[in-house]
């Protein structure tokens, strides 16, 4: 990862933390930690795909693009849990 990736990751982490303090719904330490881990996993997978040399963006059926989609779905799922009322 380069410095731009680290800055992007930091922005996502601050956004998740700000959700915790502002919304105050069904959030607990466990869910916030899971959201941060899923965000990190998504960024690593997306960065790996983005910096893959000679990738054809018209072909979306690669293992790396599948990893990005899966990480995206997992992140979406945990963020939805953070927004659920008790």
PDB file of N, CA and C in Angstrom:
ATOM      1  N   UNK A   1       0.833  -1.179   0.000  1.00  0.00           N
ATOM      2  CA  UNK A   1       0.000   0.000   0.000  1.00  0.00           C
ATOM      3  C   UNK A   1       0.878   1.244   0.000  1.00  0.00           C
ATOM      4  N   UNK A   2       0.394   2.277  -0.650  1.00  0.00           N
ATOM      5  CA  UNK A   2       1.135   3.532  -0.630  1.00  0.00           C
ATOM      6  C   UNK A   2       0.440   4.514   0.321  1.00  0.00           C
ATOM      7  N   UNK A   3       0.960   5.743   0.381  1.00  0.00           N
ATOM      8  CA  UNK A   3       0.442   6.719   1.335  1.00  0.00           C
ATOM      9  C   UNK A   3      -1.003   7.101   1.054  1.00  0.00           C
ATOM     10  N   UNK A   4      -1.413   7.119  -0.217  1.00  0.00           N
ATOM     11  CA  UNK A   4      -2.804   7.441  -0.538  1.00  0.00           C
ATOM     12  C   UNK A   4      -3.737   6.387   0.025  1.00  0.00           C
ATOM     13  N   UNK A   5      -3.332   5.117  -0.035  1.00  0.00           N
ATOM     14  CA  UNK A   5      -4.157   4.048   0.514  1.00  0.00           C
ATOM     15  C   UNK A   5      -4.293   4.197   2.023  1.00  0.00           C
ATOM     16  N   UNK A   6      -3.194   4.540   2.674  1.00  0.00           N
ATOM     17  CA  UNK A   6      -3.223   4.727   4.122  1.00  0.00           C
ATOM     18  C   UNK A   6      -4.135   5.895   4.482  1.00  0.00           C
ATOM     19  N   UNK A   7      -4.062   6.993   3.728  1.00  0.00           N
ATOM     20  CA  UNK A   7      -4.945   8.130   3.978  1.00  0.00           C
ATOM     21  C   UNK A   7      -6.411   7.739   3.780  1.00  0.00           C
ATOM     22  N   UNK A   8      -6.694   6.965   2.731  1.00  0.00           N
ATOM     23  CA  UNK A   8      -8.053   6.518   2.470  1.00  0.00           C
ATOM     24  C   UNK A   8      -8.549   5.622   3.595  1.00  0.00           C
ATOM     25  N   UNK A   9      -7.712   4.699   4.045  1.00  0.00           N
ATOM     26  CA  UNK A   9      -8.066   3.808   5.154  1.00  0.00           C
ATOM     27  C   UNK A   9      -8.333   4.624   6.413  1.00  0.00           C
ATOM     28  N   UNK A  10      -7.507   5.609   6.672  1.00  0.00           N
ATOM     29  CA  UNK A  10      -7.686   6.448   7.854  1.00  0.00           C
ATOM     30  C   UNK A  10      -9.013   7.191   7.787  1.00  0.00           C
ATOM     31  N   UNK A  11      -9.383   7.689   6.608  1.00  0.00           N
ATOM     32  CA  UNK A  11     -10.664   8.380   6.462  1.00  0.00           C
ATOM     33  C   UNK A  11     -11.830   7.446   6.737  1.00  0.00           C
ATOM     34  N   UNK A  12     -11.746   6.216   6.243  1.00  0.00           N
ATOM     35  CA  UNK A  12     -12.816   5.252   6.493  1.00  0.00           C
ATOM     36  C   UNK A  12     -12.921   4.936   7.978  1.00  0.00           C
ATOM     37  N   UNK A  13     -11.787   4.738   8.628  1.00  0.00           N
ATOM     38  CA  UNK A  13     -11.808   4.423  10.054  1.00  0.00           C
ATOM     39  C   UNK A  13     -12.408   5.567  10.864  1.00  0.00           C
ATOM     40  N   UNK A  14     -12.065   6.814  10.535  1.00  0.00           N
ATOM     41  CA  UNK A  14     -12.645   7.956  11.237  1.00  0.00           C
ATOM     42  C   UNK A  14     -14.142   8.056  10.978  1.00  0.00           C
ATOM     43  N   UNK A  15     -14.572   7.728   9.766  1.00  0.00           N
ATOM     44  CA  UNK A  15     -16.002   7.748   9.450  1.00  0.00           C
ATOM     45  C   UNK A  15     -16.747   6.723  10.292  1.00  0.00           C
ATOM     46  N   UNK A  16     -16.192   5.524  10.400  1.00  0.00           N
ATOM     47  CA  UNK A  16     -16.832   4.481  11.208  1.00  0.00           C
ATOM     48  C   UNK A  16     -16.875   4.903  12.668  1.00  0.00           C
ATOM     49  N   UNK A  17     -15.778   5.441  13.169  1.00  0.00           N
ATOM     50  CA  UNK A  17     -15.758   5.881  14.567  1.00  0.00           C
ATOM     51  C   UNK A  17     -16.749   7.008  14.803  1.00  0.00           C
ATOM     52  N   UNK A  18     -16.890   7.920  13.837  1.00  0.00           N
ATOM     53  CA  UNK A  18     -17.835   9.016  14.021  1.00  0.00           C
ATOM     54  C   UNK A  18     -19.275   8.500  14.020  1.00  0.00           C
ATOM     55  N   UNK A  19     -19.555   7.460  13.244  1.00  0.00           N
ATOM     56  CA  UNK A  19     -20.878   6.835  13.280  1.00  0.00           C
ATOM     57  C   UNK A  19     -21.175   6.300  14.673  1.00  0.00           C
ATOM     58  N   UNK A  20     -20.180   5.720  15.289  1.00  0.00           N
ATOM     59  CA  UNK A  20     -20.357   5.154  16.627  1.00  0.00           C
ATOM     60  C   UNK A  20     -20.774   6.241  17.606  1.00  0.00           C
ATOM     61  N   UNK A  21     -20.127   7.371  17.559  1.00  0.00           N
ATOM     62  CA  UNK A  21     -20.392   8.417  18.520  1.00  0.00           C
ATOM     63  C   UNK A  21     -21.645   9.216  18.193  1.00  0.00           C
ATOM     64  N   UNK A  22     -22.001   9.343  16.919  1.00  0.00           N
ATOM     65  CA  UNK A  22     -23.137  10.168  16.535  1.00  0.00           C
ATOM     66  C   UNK A  22     -24.453   9.416  16.584  1.00  0.00           C
ATOM     67  N   UNK A  23     -24.484   8.203  16.068  1.00  0.00           N
ATOM     68  CA  UNK A  23     -25.749   7.494  15.927  1.00  0.00           C
ATOM     69  C   UNK A  23     -26.190   6.879  17.242  1.00  0.00           C
ATOM     70  N   UNK A  24     -25.320   6.132  17.872  1.00  0.00           N
ATOM     71  CA  UNK A  24     -25.611   5.543  19.168  1.00  0.00           C
ATOM     72  C   UNK A  24     -26.715   4.501  19.150  1.00  0.00           C
ATOM     73  N   UNK A  25     -26.906   3.778  18.054  1.00  0.00           N
ATOM     74  CA  UNK A  25     -27.938   2.752  18.011  1.00  0.00           C
ATOM     75  C   UNK A  25     -27.356   1.425  18.471  1.00  0.00           C
ATOM     76  N   UNK A  26     -27.514   0.398  17.680  1.00  0.00           N
ATOM     77  CA  UNK A  26     -27.066  -0.934  18.075  1.00  0.00           C
ATOM     78  C   UNK A  26     -25.573  -1.086  17.799  1.00  0.00           C
ATOM     79  N   UNK A  27     -24.816  -0.312  18.485  1.00  0.00           N
ATOM     80  CA  UNK A  27     -23.374  -0.376  18.304  1.00  0.00           C
ATOM     81  C   UNK A  27     -22.758  -0.796  19.623  1.00  0.00           C
ATOM     82  N   UNK A  28     -21.868  -1.710  19.497  1.00  0.00           N
ATOM     83  CA  UNK A  28     -21.086  -2.083  20.653  1.00  0.00           C
ATOM     84  C   UNK A  28     -19.645  -2.227  20.191  1.00  0.00           C
ATOM     85  N   UNK A  29     -18.780  -2.406  21.144  1.00  0.00           N
ATOM     86  CA  UNK A  29     -17.355  -2.460  20.829  1.00  0.00           C
ATOM     87  C   UNK A  29     -17.049  -3.571  19.830  1.00  0.00           C
ATOM     88  N   UNK A  30     -17.695  -4.712  19.997  1.00  0.00           N
ATOM     89  CA  UNK A  30     -17.458  -5.860  19.113  1.00  0.00           C
ATOM     90  C   UNK A  30     -17.828  -5.529  17.667  1.00  0.00           C
ATOM     91  N   UNK A  31     -18.995  -4.932  17.448  1.00  0.00           N
ATOM     92  CA  UNK A  31     -19.431  -4.606  16.095  1.00  0.00           C
ATOM     93  C   UNK A  31     -18.561  -3.532  15.456  1.00  0.00           C
ATOM     94  N   UNK A  32     -18.123  -2.558  16.233  1.00  0.00           N
ATOM     95  CA  UNK A  32     -17.262  -1.502  15.686  1.00  0.00           C
ATOM     96  C   UNK A  32     -15.911  -2.090  15.295  1.00  0.00           C
ATOM     97  N   UNK A  33     -15.371  -2.953  16.142  1.00  0.00           N
ATOM     98  CA  UNK A  33     -14.094  -3.591  15.807  1.00  0.00           C
ATOM     99  C   UNK A  33     -14.224  -4.452  14.550  1.00  0.00           C
ATOM    100  N   UNK A  34     -15.358  -5.153  14.414  1.00  0.00           N
ATOM    101  CA  UNK A  34     -15.594  -5.952  13.206  1.00  0.00           C
ATOM    102  C   UNK A  34     -15.676  -5.066  11.973  1.00  0.00           C
ATOM    103  N   UNK A  35     -16.348  -3.924  12.100  1.00  0.00           N
ATOM    104  CA  UNK A  35     -16.479  -3.001  10.967  1.00  0.00           C
ATOM    105  C   UNK A  35     -15.113  -2.475  10.542  1.00  0.00           C
ATOM    106  N   UNK A  36     -14.274  -2.159  11.493  1.00  0.00           N
ATOM    107  CA  UNK A  36     -12.939  -1.665  11.170  1.00  0.00           C
ATOM    108  C   UNK A  36     -12.133  -2.755  10.476  1.00  0.00           C
ATOM    109  N   UNK A  37     -12.215  -3.986  10.961  1.00  0.00           N
ATOM    110  CA  UNK A  37     -11.486  -5.092  10.332  1.00  0.00           C
ATOM    111  C   UNK A  37     -11.986  -5.348   8.914  1.00  0.00           C
ATOM    112  N   UNK A  38     -13.309  -5.290   8.712  1.00  0.00           N
ATOM    113  CA  UNK A  38     -13.865  -5.507   7.375  1.00  0.00           C
ATOM    114  C   UNK A  38     -13.463  -4.377   6.433  1.00  0.00           C
ATOM    115  N   UNK A  39     -13.418  -3.148   6.941  1.00  0.00           N
ATOM    116  CA  UNK A  39     -12.988  -2.016   6.112  1.00  0.00           C
ATOM    117  C   UNK A  39     -11.537  -2.204   5.686  1.00  0.00           C
ATOM    118  N   UNK A  40     -10.702  -2.638   6.606  1.00  0.00           N
ATOM    119  CA  UNK A  40      -9.298  -2.891   6.275  1.00  0.00           C
ATOM    120  C   UNK A  40      -9.182  -3.990   5.223  1.00  0.00           C
ATOM    121  N   UNK A  41      -9.962  -5.068   5.402  1.00  0.00           N
ATOM    122  CA  UNK A  41      -9.919  -6.186   4.451  1.00  0.00           C
ATOM    123  C   UNK A  41     -10.361  -5.738   3.063  1.00  0.00           C
ATOM    124  N   UNK A  42     -11.408  -4.903   2.999  1.00  0.00           N
ATOM    125  CA  UNK A  42     -11.878  -4.388   1.716  1.00  0.00           C
ATOM    126  C   UNK A  42     -10.811  -3.537   1.044  1.00  0.00           C
ATOM    127  N   UNK A  43     -10.182  -2.650   1.791  1.00  0.00           N
ATOM    128  CA  UNK A  43      -9.181  -1.756   1.212  1.00  0.00           C
ATOM    129  C   UNK A  43      -7.980  -2.539   0.699  1.00  0.00           C
ATOM    130  N   UNK A  44      -7.555  -3.547   1.441  1.00  0.00           N
ATOM    131  CA  UNK A  44      -6.430  -4.371   0.989  1.00  0.00           C
ATOM    132  C   UNK A  44      -6.793  -5.086  -0.312  1.00  0.00           C
ATOM    133  N   UNK A  45      -7.994  -5.697  -0.361  1.00  0.00           N
ATOM    134  CA  UNK A  45      -8.411  -6.427  -1.562  1.00  0.00           C
ATOM    135  C   UNK A  45      -8.579  -5.479  -2.750  1.00  0.00           C
ATOM    136  N   UNK A  46      -9.200  -4.320  -2.524  1.00  0.00           N
ATOM    137  CA  UNK A  46      -9.420  -3.359  -3.607  1.00  0.00           C
ATOM    138  C   UNK A  46      -8.095  -2.785  -4.103  1.00  0.00           C
ATOM    139  N   UNK A  47      -7.178  -2.504  -3.198  1.00  0.00           N
ATOM    140  CA  UNK A  47      -5.867  -1.986  -3.598  1.00  0.00           C
ATOM    141  C   UNK A  47      -5.106  -3.018  -4.409  1.00  0.00           C
ATOM    142  N   UNK A  48      -5.194  -4.263  -3.985  1.00  0.00           N
ATOM    143  CA  UNK A  48      -4.526  -5.339  -4.716  1.00  0.00           C
ATOM    144  C   UNK A  48      -5.071  -5.444  -6.133  1.00  0.00           C
ATOM    145  N   UNK A  49      -6.393  -5.351  -6.273  1.00  0.00           N
ATOM    146  CA  UNK A  49      -7.002  -5.397  -7.600  1.00  0.00           C
ATOM    147  C   UNK A  49      -6.625  -4.161  -8.418  1.00  0.00           C
ATOM    148  N   UNK A  50      -6.673  -3.005  -7.790  1.00  0.00           N
ATOM    149  CA  UNK A  50      -6.402  -1.752  -8.488  1.00  0.00           C
ATOM    150  C   UNK A  50      -4.982  -1.693  -9.036  1.00  0.00           C
ATOM    151  N   UNK A  51      -4.037  -2.236  -8.294  1.00  0.00           N
ATOM    152  CA  UNK A  51      -2.631  -2.160  -8.698  1.00  0.00           C
ATOM    153  C   UNK A  51      -2.137  -3.430  -9.398  1.00  0.00           C
ATOM    154  N   UNK A  52      -3.055  -4.274  -9.840  1.00  0.00           N
ATOM    155  CA  UNK A  52      -2.687  -5.458 -10.608  1.00  0.00           C
ATOM    156  C   UNK A  52      -2.323  -5.018 -12.023  1.00  0.00           C
ATOM    157  N   UNK A  53      -1.107  -5.333 -12.463  1.00  0.00           N
ATOM    158  CA  UNK A  53      -0.719  -4.921 -13.816  1.00  0.00           C
ATOM    159  C   UNK A  53      -1.477  -5.720 -14.879  1.00  0.00           C
ATOM    160  N   UNK A  54      -1.716  -5.083 -15.984  1.00  0.00           N
ATOM    161  CA  UNK A  54      -2.339  -5.716 -17.156  1.00  0.00           C
ATOM    162  C   UNK A  54      -3.706  -6.325 -16.860  1.00  0.00           C
ATOM    163  N   UNK A  55      -4.495  -5.665 -16.028  1.00  0.00           N
ATOM    164  CA  UNK A  55      -5.843  -6.172 -15.766  1.00  0.00           C
ATOM    165  C   UNK A  55      -6.791  -5.571 -16.799  1.00  0.00           C
ATOM    166  N   UNK A  56      -7.700  -6.363 -17.272  1.00  0.00           N
ATOM    167  CA  UNK A  56      -8.727  -5.884 -18.189  1.00  0.00           C
ATOM    168  C   UNK A  56      -9.963  -5.561 -17.359  1.00  0.00           C
ATOM    169  N   UNK A  57     -10.337  -4.295 -17.299  1.00  0.00           N
ATOM    170  CA  UNK A  57     -11.460  -3.891 -16.463  1.00  0.00           C
ATOM    171  C   UNK A  57     -12.801  -4.339 -17.038  1.00  0.00           C
ATOM    172  N   UNK A  58     -12.798  -4.830 -18.265  1.00  0.00           N
ATOM    173  CA  UNK A  58     -14.030  -5.357 -18.832  1.00  0.00           C
ATOM    174  C   UNK A  58     -14.319  -6.761 -18.314  1.00  0.00           C
ATOM    175  N   UNK A  59     -13.294  -7.451 -17.861  1.00  0.00           N
ATOM    176  CA  UNK A  59     -13.459  -8.804 -17.337  1.00  0.00           C
ATOM    177  C   UNK A  59     -13.581  -8.705 -15.829  1.00  0.00           C
ATOM    178  N   UNK A  60     -14.712  -9.114 -15.308  1.00  0.00           N
ATOM    179  CA  UNK A  60     -14.941  -8.967 -13.874  1.00  0.00           C
ATOM    180  C   UNK A  60     -14.989 -10.297 -13.151  1.00  0.00           C
ATOM    181  N   UNK A  61     -14.632 -11.374 -13.815  1.00  0.00           N
ATOM    182  CA  UNK A  61     -14.752 -12.685 -13.199  1.00  0.00           C
ATOM    183  C   UNK A  61     -13.462 -13.238 -12.634  1.00  0.00           C
ATOM    184  N   UNK A  62     -12.520 -12.380 -12.287  1.00  0.00           N
ATOM    185  CA  UNK A  62     -11.264 -12.878 -11.750  1.00  0.00           C
ATOM    186  C   UNK A  62     -11.394 -13.169 -10.255  1.00  0.00           C
ATOM    187  N   UNK A  63     -10.439 -13.913  -9.736  1.00  0.00           N
ATOM    188  CA  UNK A  63     -10.431 -14.223  -8.301  1.00  0.00           C
ATOM    189  C   UNK A  63     -10.273 -12.956  -7.478  1.00  0.00           C
ATOM    190  N   UNK A  64      -9.450 -12.034  -7.950  1.00  0.00           N
ATOM    191  CA  UNK A  64      -9.239 -10.793  -7.208  1.00  0.00           C
ATOM    192  C   UNK A  64     -10.491  -9.926  -7.176  1.00  0.00           C
ATOM    193  N   UNK A  65     -11.195  -9.846  -8.299  1.00  0.00           N
ATOM    194  CA  UNK A  65     -12.424  -9.047  -8.298  1.00  0.00           C
ATOM    195  C   UNK A  65     -13.490  -9.716  -7.425  1.00  0.00           C
ATOM    196  N   UNK A  66     -13.481 -11.027  -7.381  1.00  0.00           N
ATOM    197  CA  UNK A  66     -14.392 -11.750  -6.493  1.00  0.00           C
ATOM    198  C   UNK A  66     -14.093 -11.463  -5.028  1.00  0.00           C
ATOM    199  N   UNK A  67     -12.808 -11.380  -4.697  1.00  0.00           N
ATOM    200  CA  UNK A  67     -12.421 -11.061  -3.324  1.00  0.00           C
ATOM    201  C   UNK A  67     -12.887  -9.655  -2.947  1.00  0.00           C
ATOM    202  N   UNK A  68     -12.806  -8.727  -3.888  1.00  0.00           N
ATOM    203  CA  UNK A  68     -13.257  -7.363  -3.625  1.00  0.00           C
ATOM    204  C   UNK A  68     -14.765  -7.334  -3.421  1.00  0.00           C
ATOM    205  N   UNK A  69     -15.503  -8.032  -4.266  1.00  0.00           N
ATOM    206  CA  UNK A  69     -16.961  -8.078  -4.116  1.00  0.00           C
ATOM    207  C   UNK A  69     -17.350  -8.692  -2.781  1.00  0.00           C
ATOM    208  N   UNK A  70     -16.696  -9.788  -2.404  1.00  0.00           N
ATOM    209  CA  UNK A  70     -17.006 -10.455  -1.136  1.00  0.00           C
ATOM    210  C   UNK A  70     -16.699  -9.538   0.054  1.00  0.00           C
ATOM    211  N   UNK A  71     -15.539  -8.879   0.009  1.00  0.00           N
ATOM    212  CA  UNK A  71     -15.172  -7.969   1.093  1.00  0.00           C
ATOM    213  C   UNK A  71     -16.159  -6.800   1.172  1.00  0.00           C
ATOM    214  N   UNK A  72     -16.616  -6.326   0.013  1.00  0.00           N
ATOM    215  CA  UNK A  72     -17.594  -5.249  -0.031  1.00  0.00           C
ATOM    216  C   UNK A  72     -18.916  -5.682   0.607  1.00  0.00           C
ATOM    217  N   UNK A  73     -19.363  -6.892   0.290  1.00  0.00           N
ATOM    218  CA  UNK A  73     -20.610  -7.389   0.871  1.00  0.00           C
ATOM    219  C   UNK A  73     -20.487  -7.559   2.386  1.00  0.00           C
ATOM    220  N   UNK A  74     -19.357  -8.085   2.844  1.00  0.00           N
ATOM    221  CA  UNK A  74     -19.158  -8.271   4.282  1.00  0.00           C
ATOM    222  C   UNK A  74     -19.125  -6.933   5.009  1.00  0.00           C
ATOM    223  N   UNK A  75     -18.464  -5.947   4.412  1.00  0.00           N
ATOM    224  CA  UNK A  75     -18.414  -4.612   5.015  1.00  0.00           C
ATOM    225  C   UNK A  75     -19.809  -4.002   5.059  1.00  0.00           C
ATOM    226  N   UNK A  76     -20.565  -4.136   3.989  1.00  0.00           N
ATOM    227  CA  UNK A  76     -21.936  -3.618   3.955  1.00  0.00           C
ATOM    228  C   UNK A  76     -22.781  -4.257   5.040  1.00  0.00           C
ATOM    229  N   UNK A  77     -22.629  -5.558   5.222  1.00  0.00           N
ATOM    230  CA  UNK A  77     -23.410  -6.285   6.220  1.00  0.00           C
ATOM    231  C   UNK A  77     -23.106  -5.791   7.636  1.00  0.00           C
ATOM    232  N   UNK A  78     -21.832  -5.630   7.958  1.00  0.00           N
ATOM    233  CA  UNK A  78     -21.497  -5.194   9.318  1.00  0.00           C
ATOM    234  C   UNK A  78     -21.889  -3.737   9.541  1.00  0.00           C
ATOM    235  N   UNK A  79     -21.780  -2.890   8.506  1.00  0.00           N
ATOM    236  CA  UNK A  79     -22.216  -1.499   8.656  1.00  0.00           C
ATOM    237  C   UNK A  79     -23.729  -1.422   8.856  1.00  0.00           C
ATOM    238  N   UNK A  80     -24.479  -2.306   8.219  1.00  0.00           N
ATOM    239  CA  UNK A  80     -25.932  -2.347   8.425  1.00  0.00           C
ATOM    240  C   UNK A  80     -26.246  -2.740   9.866  1.00  0.00           C
ATOM    241  N   UNK A  81     -25.462  -3.646  10.436  1.00  0.00           N
ATOM    242  CA  UNK A  81     -25.671  -4.027  11.837  1.00  0.00           C
ATOM    243  C   UNK A  81     -25.429  -2.850  12.771  1.00  0.00           C
ATOM    244  N   UNK A  82     -24.491  -1.996  12.406  1.00  0.00           N
ATOM    245  CA  UNK A  82     -24.239  -0.820  13.234  1.00  0.00           C
ATOM    246  C   UNK A  82     -25.414   0.148  13.223  1.00  0.00           C
ATOM    247  N   UNK A  83     -26.177   0.150  12.133  1.00  0.00           N
ATOM    248  CA  UNK A  83     -27.305   1.085  12.009  1.00  0.00           C
ATOM    249  C   UNK A  83     -28.606   0.536  12.565  1.00  0.00           C
ATOM    250  N   UNK A  84     -28.658  -0.762  12.862  1.00  0.00           N
ATOM    251  CA  UNK A  84     -29.903  -1.351  13.349  1.00  0.00           C
ATOM    252  C   UNK A  84     -30.224  -0.870  14.765  1.00  0.00           C
ATOM    253  N   UNK A  85     -31.490  -0.539  14.978  1.00  0.00           N
ATOM    254  CA  UNK A  85     -31.881  -0.248  16.365  1.00  0.00           C
ATOM    255  C   UNK A  85     -31.933  -1.549  17.167  1.00  0.00           C
ATOM    256  N   UNK A  86     -31.824  -1.430  18.432  1.00  0.00           N
ATOM    257  CA  UNK A  86     -31.824  -2.625  19.295  1.00  0.00           C
ATOM    258  C   UNK A  86     -33.119  -3.356  19.243  1.00  0.00           C
TER     259      UNK A  86
END
